[in-house]
Every structure is written in C-alpha cells, then in structure tokens.
C-alpha atoms as a PDB file:
ATOM      1  CA  MET A   1      38.197  -4.418  -3.165  1.00  0.00           C
ATOM      2  CA  ALA A   2      36.166  -1.162  -2.593  1.00  0.00           C
ATOM      3  CA  GLU A   3      33.869  -0.588   0.378  1.00  0.00           C
ATOM      4  CA  GLN A   4      30.234  -0.656  -0.252  1.00  0.00           C
ATOM      5  CA  LYS A   5      28.558   2.246  -0.563  1.00  0.00           C
ATOM      6  CA  GLN A   6      25.854   2.857   2.123  1.00  0.00           C
ATOM      7  CA  ILE A   7      22.466   3.874   1.055  1.00  0.00           C
ATOM      8  CA  LEU A   8      19.569   4.832   3.456  1.00  0.00           C
ATOM      9  CA  VAL A   9      15.906   4.924   1.934  1.00  0.00           C
ATOM     10  CA  ILE A  10      13.104   6.616   3.731  1.00  0.00           C
ATOM     11  CA  ASP A  11       9.633   6.164   2.586  1.00  0.00           C
ATOM     12  CA  ASP A  12       6.496   4.694   4.262  1.00  0.00           C
ATOM     13  CA  ASP A  13       5.574   2.571   1.339  1.00  0.00           C
ATOM     14  CA  PRO A  14       6.925  -0.922   2.094  1.00  0.00           C
ATOM     15  CA  ASP A  15       6.603  -2.016  -1.390  1.00  0.00           C
ATOM     16  CA  PHE A  16       8.828   0.830  -2.678  1.00  0.00           C
ATOM     17  CA  LEU A  17      11.247   0.297  -0.126  1.00  0.00           C
ATOM     18  CA  ASN A  18      11.512  -3.375  -1.017  1.00  0.00           C
ATOM     19  CA  TYR A  19      11.779  -2.451  -4.662  1.00  0.00           C
ATOM     20  CA  ILE A  20      14.693  -0.064  -4.067  1.00  0.00           C
ATOM     21  CA  LYS A  21      16.412  -2.406  -1.527  1.00  0.00           C
ATOM     22  CA  ILE A  22      16.439  -5.346  -4.205  1.00  0.00           C
ATOM     23  CA  VAL A  23      17.711  -3.049  -7.091  1.00  0.00           C
ATOM     24  CA  LEU A  24      20.484  -1.599  -4.817  1.00  0.00           C
ATOM     25  CA  SER A  25      21.693  -4.677  -3.283  1.00  0.00           C
ATOM     26  CA  ALA A  26      21.856  -6.545  -6.578  1.00  0.00           C
ATOM     27  CA  ASN A  27      24.340  -3.927  -7.426  1.00  0.00           C
ATOM     28  CA  ASP A  28      26.603  -4.052  -4.531  1.00  0.00           C
ATOM     29  CA  TYR A  29      25.023  -1.215  -2.288  1.00  0.00           C
ATOM     30  CA  ALA A  30      24.631  -1.929   1.380  1.00  0.00           C
ATOM     31  CA  VAL A  31      20.878  -0.702   1.953  1.00  0.00           C
ATOM     32  CA  ARG A  32      19.218   0.348   4.965  1.00  0.00           C
ATOM     33  CA  THR A  33      15.450   1.604   5.365  1.00  0.00           C
ATOM     34  CA  ALA A  34      13.132   3.394   7.349  1.00  0.00           C
ATOM     35  CA  SER A  35       9.604   3.972   7.183  1.00  0.00           C
ATOM     36  CA  THR A  36       9.191   7.360   8.840  1.00  0.00           C
ATOM     37  CA  ALA A  37      11.094  10.753   8.907  1.00  0.00           C
ATOM     38  CA  ALA A  38      12.071  10.183  12.525  1.00  0.00           C
ATOM     39  CA  GLU A  39      13.169   6.472  12.174  1.00  0.00           C
ATOM     40  CA  GLY A  40      15.509   7.691   9.003  1.00  0.00           C
ATOM     41  CA  LEU A  41      16.911  10.734  11.020  1.00  0.00           C
ATOM     42  CA  GLU A  42      17.879   8.422  13.739  1.00  0.00           C
ATOM     43  CA  LEU A  43      19.590   6.012  11.665  1.00  0.00           C
ATOM     44  CA  MET A  44      21.457   8.814   9.661  1.00  0.00           C
ATOM     45  CA  ARG A  45      22.973   9.921  13.232  1.00  0.00           C
ATOM     46  CA  GLN A  46      23.913   6.376  14.147  1.00  0.00           C
ATOM     47  CA  ASP A  47      25.737   5.677  10.943  1.00  0.00           C
ATOM     48  CA  GLN A  48      25.928   8.348   8.295  1.00  0.00           C
ATOM     49  CA  PRO A  49      25.208   7.063   4.845  1.00  0.00           C
ATOM     50  CA  ASP A  50      26.922   7.841   1.579  1.00  0.00           C
ATOM     51  CA  LEU A  51      23.515   8.669   0.053  1.00  0.00           C
ATOM     52  CA  VAL A  52      19.742   9.172   1.248  1.00  0.00           C
ATOM     53  CA  ILE A  53      16.847   8.449  -0.980  1.00  0.00           C
ATOM     54  CA  LEU A  54      13.810  10.292   0.514  1.00  0.00           C
ATOM     55  CA  ASP A  55      10.376  10.363  -0.516  1.00  0.00           C
ATOM     56  CA  VAL A  56       8.485  13.547  -0.234  1.00  0.00           C
ATOM     57  CA  MET A  57       5.162  12.488   1.115  1.00  0.00           C
ATOM     58  CA  MET A  58       5.248  10.093   3.830  1.00  0.00           C
ATOM     59  CA  SER A  59       3.092  10.415   6.977  1.00  0.00           C
ATOM     60  CA  TYR A  60       2.283  13.799   6.309  1.00  0.00           C
ATOM     61  CA  VAL A  61       2.454  16.072   3.572  1.00  0.00           C
ATOM     62  CA  LEU A  62       5.912  17.269   2.608  1.00  0.00           C
ATOM     63  CA  ASP A  63       7.444  14.981   5.449  1.00  0.00           C
ATOM     64  CA  GLY A  64      10.533  14.436   3.343  1.00  0.00           C
ATOM     65  CA  TRP A  65      11.327  18.419   2.726  1.00  0.00           C
ATOM     66  CA  SER A  66      11.190  18.166   6.765  1.00  0.00           C
ATOM     67  CA  VAL A  67      13.873  15.701   6.975  1.00  0.00           C
ATOM     68  CA  SER A  68      16.059  17.554   4.279  1.00  0.00           C
ATOM     69  CA  ARG A  69      15.645  20.798   6.069  1.00  0.00           C
ATOM     70  CA  GLU A  70      16.814  19.118   9.344  1.00  0.00           C
ATOM     71  CA  MET A  71      19.806  17.611   7.536  1.00  0.00           C
ATOM     72  CA  HIS A  72      20.569  21.184   6.340  1.00  0.00           C
ATOM     73  CA  PHE A  73      20.754  22.523   9.533  1.00  0.00           C
ATOM     74  CA  ASP A  74      22.560  19.649  11.324  1.00  0.00           C
ATOM     75  CA  PRO A  75      26.448  19.825  10.839  1.00  0.00           C
ATOM     76  CA  GLN A  76      26.613  16.178  11.148  1.00  0.00           C
ATOM     77  CA  LEU A  77      24.185  15.553   8.382  1.00  0.00           C
ATOM     78  CA  ARG A  78      24.336  18.496   5.855  1.00  0.00           C
ATOM     79  CA  ASP A  79      26.955  16.961   3.478  1.00  0.00           C
ATOM     80  CA  ILE A  80      25.002  13.755   2.969  1.00  0.00           C
ATOM     81  CA  PRO A  81      23.795  13.735  -0.727  1.00  0.00           C
ATOM     82  CA  VAL A  82      19.832  13.515  -1.080  1.00  0.00           C
ATOM     83  CA  MET A  83      17.854  12.286  -3.824  1.00  0.00           C
ATOM     84  CA  LEU A  84      14.223  13.060  -3.503  1.00  0.00           C
ATOM     85  CA  VAL A  85      11.588  10.851  -4.976  1.00  0.00           C
ATOM     86  CA  SER A  86       7.801  11.351  -5.453  1.00  0.00           C
ATOM     87  CA  ALA A  87       4.889  10.414  -7.358  1.00  0.00           C
ATOM     88  CA  ILE A  88       3.756  14.166  -7.677  1.00  0.00           C
ATOM     89  CA  VAL A  89       5.265  15.215 -11.125  1.00  0.00           C
ATOM     90  CA  SER A  90       2.712  17.625 -12.749  1.00  0.00           C
ATOM     91  CA  SER A  91       3.388  21.180 -12.909  1.00  0.00           C
ATOM     92  CA  ASP A  92      -0.094  21.759 -11.167  1.00  0.00           C
ATOM     93  CA  ASP A  93       1.598  20.107  -7.955  1.00  0.00           C
ATOM     94  CA  ASP A  94       4.478  22.363  -7.981  1.00  0.00           C
ATOM     95  CA  SER A  95       2.887  24.662  -5.415  1.00  0.00           C
ATOM     96  CA  LEU A  96       2.936  22.039  -2.976  1.00  0.00           C
ATOM     97  CA  PHE A  97       6.582  22.123  -2.996  1.00  0.00           C
ATOM     98  CA  PRO A  98       8.492  24.673  -0.753  1.00  0.00           C
ATOM     99  CA  ASN A  99      11.573  26.293  -2.224  1.00  0.00           C
ATOM    100  CA  ALA A 100      14.583  24.743  -1.644  1.00  0.00           C
ATOM    101  CA  GLU A 101      16.345  27.541   0.202  1.00  0.00           C
ATOM    102  CA  HIS A 102      16.781  25.423   3.356  1.00  0.00           C
ATOM    103  CA  CYS A 103      16.944  21.891   1.875  1.00  0.00           C
ATOM    104  CA  ARG A 104      19.437  19.764   0.337  1.00  0.00           C
ATOM    105  CA  ILE A 105      18.393  18.247  -2.771  1.00  0.00           C
ATOM    106  CA  ASP A 106      20.957  16.635  -4.903  1.00  0.00           C
ATOM    107  CA  ARG A 107      18.537  15.049  -7.439  1.00  0.00           C
ATOM    108  CA  PHE A 108      14.894  14.571  -7.824  1.00  0.00           C
ATOM    109  CA  MET A 109      13.295  11.415  -9.349  1.00  0.00           C
ATOM    110  CA  SER A 110       9.861  10.820 -10.120  1.00  0.00           C
ATOM    111  CA  LYS A 111       7.892   7.501  -9.409  1.00  0.00           C
ATOM    112  CA  PRO A 112       8.018   5.027 -10.436  1.00  0.00           C
ATOM    113  CA  VAL A 113      11.781   4.786 -10.340  1.00  0.00           C
ATOM    114  CA  GLU A 114      13.255   2.930 -13.444  1.00  0.00           C
ATOM    115  CA  PRO A 115      16.050   0.841 -12.153  1.00  0.00           C
ATOM    116  CA  ALA A 116      19.036   2.080 -14.828  1.00  0.00           C
ATOM    117  CA  ALA A 117      18.263   5.697 -13.986  1.00  0.00           C
ATOM    118  CA  LEU A 118      18.194   4.811 -10.300  1.00  0.00           C
ATOM    119  CA  LEU A 119      21.614   3.139 -10.566  1.00  0.00           C
ATOM    120  CA  ARG A 120      23.100   6.008 -12.574  1.00  0.00           C
ATOM    121  CA  SER A 121      21.854   8.660 -10.043  1.00  0.00           C
ATOM    122  CA  VAL A 122      23.142   6.479  -7.156  1.00  0.00           C
ATOM    123  CA  ALA A 123      26.533   5.935  -8.901  1.00  0.00           C
ATOM    124  CA  GLU A 124      26.926   9.818  -9.602  1.00  0.00           C
ATOM    125  CA  LEU A 125      25.720  10.840  -6.039  1.00  0.00           C
ATOM    126  CA  THR A 126      27.972   8.455  -4.358  1.00  0.00           C
ATOM    127  CA  ARG A 127      30.862   8.791  -6.879  1.00  0.00           C
ATOM    128  CA  SER A 128      30.955   4.735  -7.472  1.00  0.00           C
END
C-alpha cells in the first residue's frame, strides 16, 4: 500500500483551511494546516511535506510570496512543490504580484478552488 502524501496548507482563512482539508483527506491525503507564514515554515522544517498549498495574502499583502521566497533560498525546502492560491484574479491586480524570479511556484489556482481541479493539481504535483 502506498504511503499517504503529506500536504501542508497555509492560509489565514479557517473556512478555506477546513474546506481543503476535507477535500484532500477524503481522497487519502494527509493534511496539516497553518494559519500564518511563520507557523507554515516551522511545520515545513519539522516534517517536509510533499506539497505546500499557499495563500498569497494572509496577515499582510504578499505573505505567501514571502514564504515562497524563503523556501527558494532554503536548501531544505527549495524542492518542495508549491501551489499558490489567491482570490486575486483580474489583470488589474497583476501589479500586486512580484516577478517569480526568486519564488518557486509550480501551480496557481484561483479561489474559490473547485474540488476536481484541486485534486488533479495535487495528484500531478505529488505524482500520486
């Protein structure tokens, strides 16, 4: 039997965390959650997940980009796939996002996240 893939979801919205945890847990993923960037980084360093699902805007604008940047420069974390999620989807908001030169983003999904699309992306990024 294959080992469960470990997913870490970092978002300051408890409803979103609960929703993602329900969808992924029902599909045999082990899910941990963090509501702050600092908590998420600490959890990653304690036990590296197979995938990080990361909100762009948490306690401050672009908090998710900061986590991704820190992961990029940390040899222990740089190879963990990152799925960035955000409710910001219009081209008018593009200027809010920095370029991805020093960030590792393997997939981007808009909120609200559709369960089937989420599961497809998680399977692809974790190769499960």
